[in-house]
Amino acid sequence: MKTFTDTAGRTWTLALTIDAAKRVKSLLDVNLLELDLPAGKAGAGDPPLLTRLGTDVILLCDVIFALVKPQADAAGVSDQEFAAALGGDVVLAAQTAFYEELVDFFRKLGRGDLAKAVDAQRRMIDLTVARIKTRIDRLDLEAAVESTLGEPSTSSPQSSESTPAR
């Protein structure tokens, strides 16, 4: 079981069990035990669930809420109150806890292939973010604007006084 703390100071425990997976499927039509298939009612050509969880923050947070729903119900915390306490740092902590819980579950289930896939997805996200940050740091924004808009003009436009009237 993995935990994270929201901005309201509440600690949530993620435990992936068959009961929890059934709850996620019932509430969201998302089968956490089929990470390599499209999520929910998605059609052919849609990305696998594991990819969607890594790229769709709202879906990820909905899945996490479904996992902790019994705790939320016991604490009287609604879906909206839960979401309101998920700032960026909390989402990152919840995502990390979620991925770690998935890896543990699949390793214990004897599905090392899915555990490796989850680890690879997490590493891919980290590497992609790092690569994008590096590219942004290397950008010469002034040169990009000048190449898009052309060299800045040093002469000022003619005043309306010198423009003949029509």
Protein backbone atom coordinates (compact mmCIF):
# COMPACT_ATOMS: atom_id res chain seq x y z
CA MET A 1 0.00 0.00 0.00
CA LYS A 2 1.22 3.45 -0.95
CA THR A 3 0.17 6.79 0.47
CA PHE A 4 0.07 10.46 -0.48
CA THR A 5 -1.15 13.57 1.32
CA ASP A 6 -3.43 16.17 -0.28
CA THR A 7 -3.29 19.94 0.22
CA ALA A 8 -5.92 19.70 2.99
CA GLY A 9 -3.50 17.51 4.98
CA ARG A 10 -5.48 14.29 4.47
CA THR A 11 -3.43 11.16 3.91
CA TRP A 12 -4.80 8.70 1.37
CA THR A 13 -3.77 5.06 1.07
CA LEU A 14 -3.77 3.39 -2.33
CA ALA A 15 -4.27 -0.36 -2.27
CA LEU A 16 -4.86 -2.16 -5.54
CA THR A 17 -6.91 -5.25 -4.81
CA ILE A 18 -9.43 -7.10 -6.92
CA ASP A 19 -12.18 -5.27 -5.00
CA ALA A 20 -10.54 -1.92 -5.81
CA ALA A 21 -10.10 -2.86 -9.48
CA LYS A 22 -13.78 -3.87 -9.66
CA ARG A 23 -14.76 -0.53 -8.09
CA VAL A 24 -12.71 1.41 -10.67
CA LYS A 25 -14.30 -0.64 -13.47
CA SER A 26 -17.80 -0.12 -12.07
CA LEU A 27 -17.41 3.64 -11.53
CA LEU A 28 -15.29 4.56 -14.57
CA ASP A 29 -15.48 1.63 -16.98
CA VAL A 30 -11.68 1.39 -16.68
CA ASN A 31 -10.12 -2.03 -16.18
CA LEU A 32 -6.83 -1.56 -14.30
CA LEU A 33 -6.00 -5.21 -14.90
CA GLU A 34 -5.84 -4.64 -18.67
CA LEU A 35 -3.26 -1.88 -18.92
CA ASP A 36 -2.27 -2.87 -22.43
CA LEU A 37 -5.80 -2.42 -23.85
CA PRO A 38 -7.60 0.86 -24.67
CA ALA A 39 -9.29 2.50 -21.68
CA GLY A 40 -13.02 2.13 -21.17
CA LYS A 41 -15.17 2.24 -24.26
CA ALA A 42 -12.36 3.59 -26.40
CA GLY A 43 -12.22 2.22 -29.90
CA ALA A 44 -9.50 0.67 -31.99
CA GLY A 45 -6.54 2.95 -32.51
CA ASP A 46 -6.92 4.58 -29.11
CA PRO A 47 -3.85 4.41 -26.86
CA PRO A 48 -3.57 1.66 -24.24
CA LEU A 49 -4.86 2.44 -20.76
CA LEU A 50 -1.32 2.70 -19.36
CA THR A 51 -0.52 5.46 -21.87
CA ARG A 52 -3.79 7.27 -21.16
CA LEU A 53 -3.11 7.17 -17.42
CA GLY A 54 0.28 8.75 -18.08
CA THR A 55 -1.07 11.53 -20.28
CA ASP A 56 -4.62 12.24 -19.05
CA VAL A 57 -4.31 13.80 -15.59
CA ILE A 58 -8.08 13.95 -15.08
CA LEU A 59 -8.48 10.25 -15.85
CA LEU A 60 -5.59 9.46 -13.50
CA CYS A 61 -7.16 11.50 -10.68
CA ASP A 62 -10.57 9.91 -11.29
CA VAL A 63 -8.98 6.45 -11.04
CA ILE A 64 -7.16 7.42 -7.86
CA PHE A 65 -10.40 8.76 -6.35
CA ALA A 66 -12.18 5.50 -7.22
CA LEU A 67 -9.38 3.60 -5.46
CA VAL A 68 -9.70 5.68 -2.28
CA LYS A 69 -13.50 6.08 -2.43
CA PRO A 70 -14.20 3.96 0.68
CA GLN A 71 -11.78 6.20 2.65
CA ALA A 72 -13.36 9.32 1.13
CA ASP A 73 -16.87 8.11 1.99
CA ALA A 74 -15.81 7.37 5.58
CA ALA A 75 -14.28 10.86 5.87
CA GLY A 76 -17.25 12.56 4.19
CA VAL A 77 -15.07 13.81 1.31
CA SER A 78 -16.81 14.21 -2.06
CA ASP A 79 -15.19 13.78 -5.45
CA GLN A 80 -15.16 17.58 -5.83
CA GLU A 81 -13.57 18.14 -2.41
CA PHE A 82 -10.96 15.49 -3.20
CA ALA A 83 -10.16 17.12 -6.56
CA ALA A 84 -9.97 20.58 -4.97
CA ALA A 85 -7.16 19.32 -2.74
CA LEU A 86 -5.08 18.02 -5.67
CA GLY A 87 -2.53 20.65 -6.55
CA GLY A 88 0.27 19.85 -8.99
CA ASP A 89 2.62 18.57 -6.29
CA VAL A 90 -0.10 16.33 -4.87
CA VAL A 91 -0.98 14.95 -8.31
CA LEU A 92 2.69 14.07 -8.81
CA ALA A 93 2.85 12.36 -5.40
CA ALA A 94 -0.42 10.53 -6.08
CA GLN A 95 0.79 9.46 -9.54
CA THR A 96 4.03 8.12 -8.07
CA ALA A 97 2.15 6.23 -5.36
CA PHE A 98 -0.29 4.87 -7.96
CA TYR A 99 2.48 3.61 -10.26
CA GLU A 100 4.34 2.03 -7.32
CA GLU A 101 1.13 0.30 -6.22
CA LEU A 102 0.52 -0.99 -9.76
CA VAL A 103 4.07 -2.35 -9.98
CA ASP A 104 3.77 -4.10 -6.60
CA PHE A 105 0.38 -5.59 -7.50
CA PHE A 106 1.52 -7.00 -10.84
CA ARG A 107 4.81 -8.34 -9.45
CA LYS A 108 2.95 -10.16 -6.68
CA LEU A 109 0.47 -11.47 -9.25
CA GLY A 110 3.36 -12.93 -11.24
CA ARG A 111 2.85 -10.51 -14.10
CA GLY A 112 6.36 -9.15 -14.36
CA ASP A 113 5.59 -8.03 -17.91
CA LEU A 114 2.95 -5.56 -16.72
CA ALA A 115 5.12 -4.44 -13.79
CA LYS A 116 7.91 -3.68 -16.29
CA ALA A 117 5.47 -1.85 -18.55
CA VAL A 118 4.37 0.40 -15.67
CA ASP A 119 8.01 1.10 -14.73
CA ALA A 120 8.81 1.86 -18.38
CA GLN A 121 5.83 4.23 -18.63
CA ARG A 122 6.96 6.11 -15.54
CA ARG A 123 10.53 6.37 -16.84
CA MET A 124 9.28 7.49 -20.26
CA ILE A 125 7.25 10.30 -18.67
CA ASP A 126 10.26 11.43 -16.62
CA LEU A 127 12.58 11.33 -19.65
CA THR A 128 10.09 13.14 -21.88
CA VAL A 129 9.63 15.93 -19.34
CA ALA A 130 13.40 16.28 -18.93
CA ARG A 131 13.95 16.36 -22.71
CA ILE A 132 11.26 18.99 -23.24
CA LYS A 133 12.69 21.14 -20.44
CA THR A 134 16.13 20.92 -22.05
CA ARG A 135 14.75 21.93 -25.46
CA ILE A 136 12.88 24.87 -23.96
CA ASP A 137 16.02 25.98 -22.10
CA ARG A 138 17.93 25.92 -25.41
CA LEU A 139 15.37 28.03 -27.26
CA ASP A 140 16.41 31.48 -28.38
CA LEU A 141 12.99 33.06 -28.11
CA GLU A 142 14.05 36.41 -29.61
CA ALA A 143 15.51 34.69 -32.67
CA ALA A 144 12.36 32.58 -33.05
CA VAL A 145 10.12 35.65 -32.93
CA GLU A 146 12.35 37.54 -35.37
CA SER A 147 12.41 34.63 -37.82
CA THR A 148 8.62 34.38 -37.60
CA LEU A 149 7.82 38.07 -37.80
CA GLY A 150 10.90 39.36 -39.62
CA GLU A 151 13.62 41.72 -38.47
CA PRO A 152 12.40 44.53 -36.24
CA SER A 153 12.15 47.79 -38.15
CA THR A 154 14.32 50.68 -36.94
CA SER A 155 12.37 53.34 -38.80
CA SER A 156 9.10 54.57 -37.38
CA PRO A 157 5.96 54.60 -39.50
CA GLN A 158 5.02 57.82 -41.21
CA SER A 159 2.81 60.10 -39.20
CA SER A 160 -0.72 60.71 -40.39
CA GLU A 161 0.23 64.37 -41.12
CA SER A 162 2.53 63.36 -43.95
CA THR A 163 0.06 60.90 -45.45
CA PRO A 164 -2.02 62.56 -48.16
CA ALA A 165 -5.77 62.54 -47.59
CA ARG A 166 -7.96 60.71 -50.09
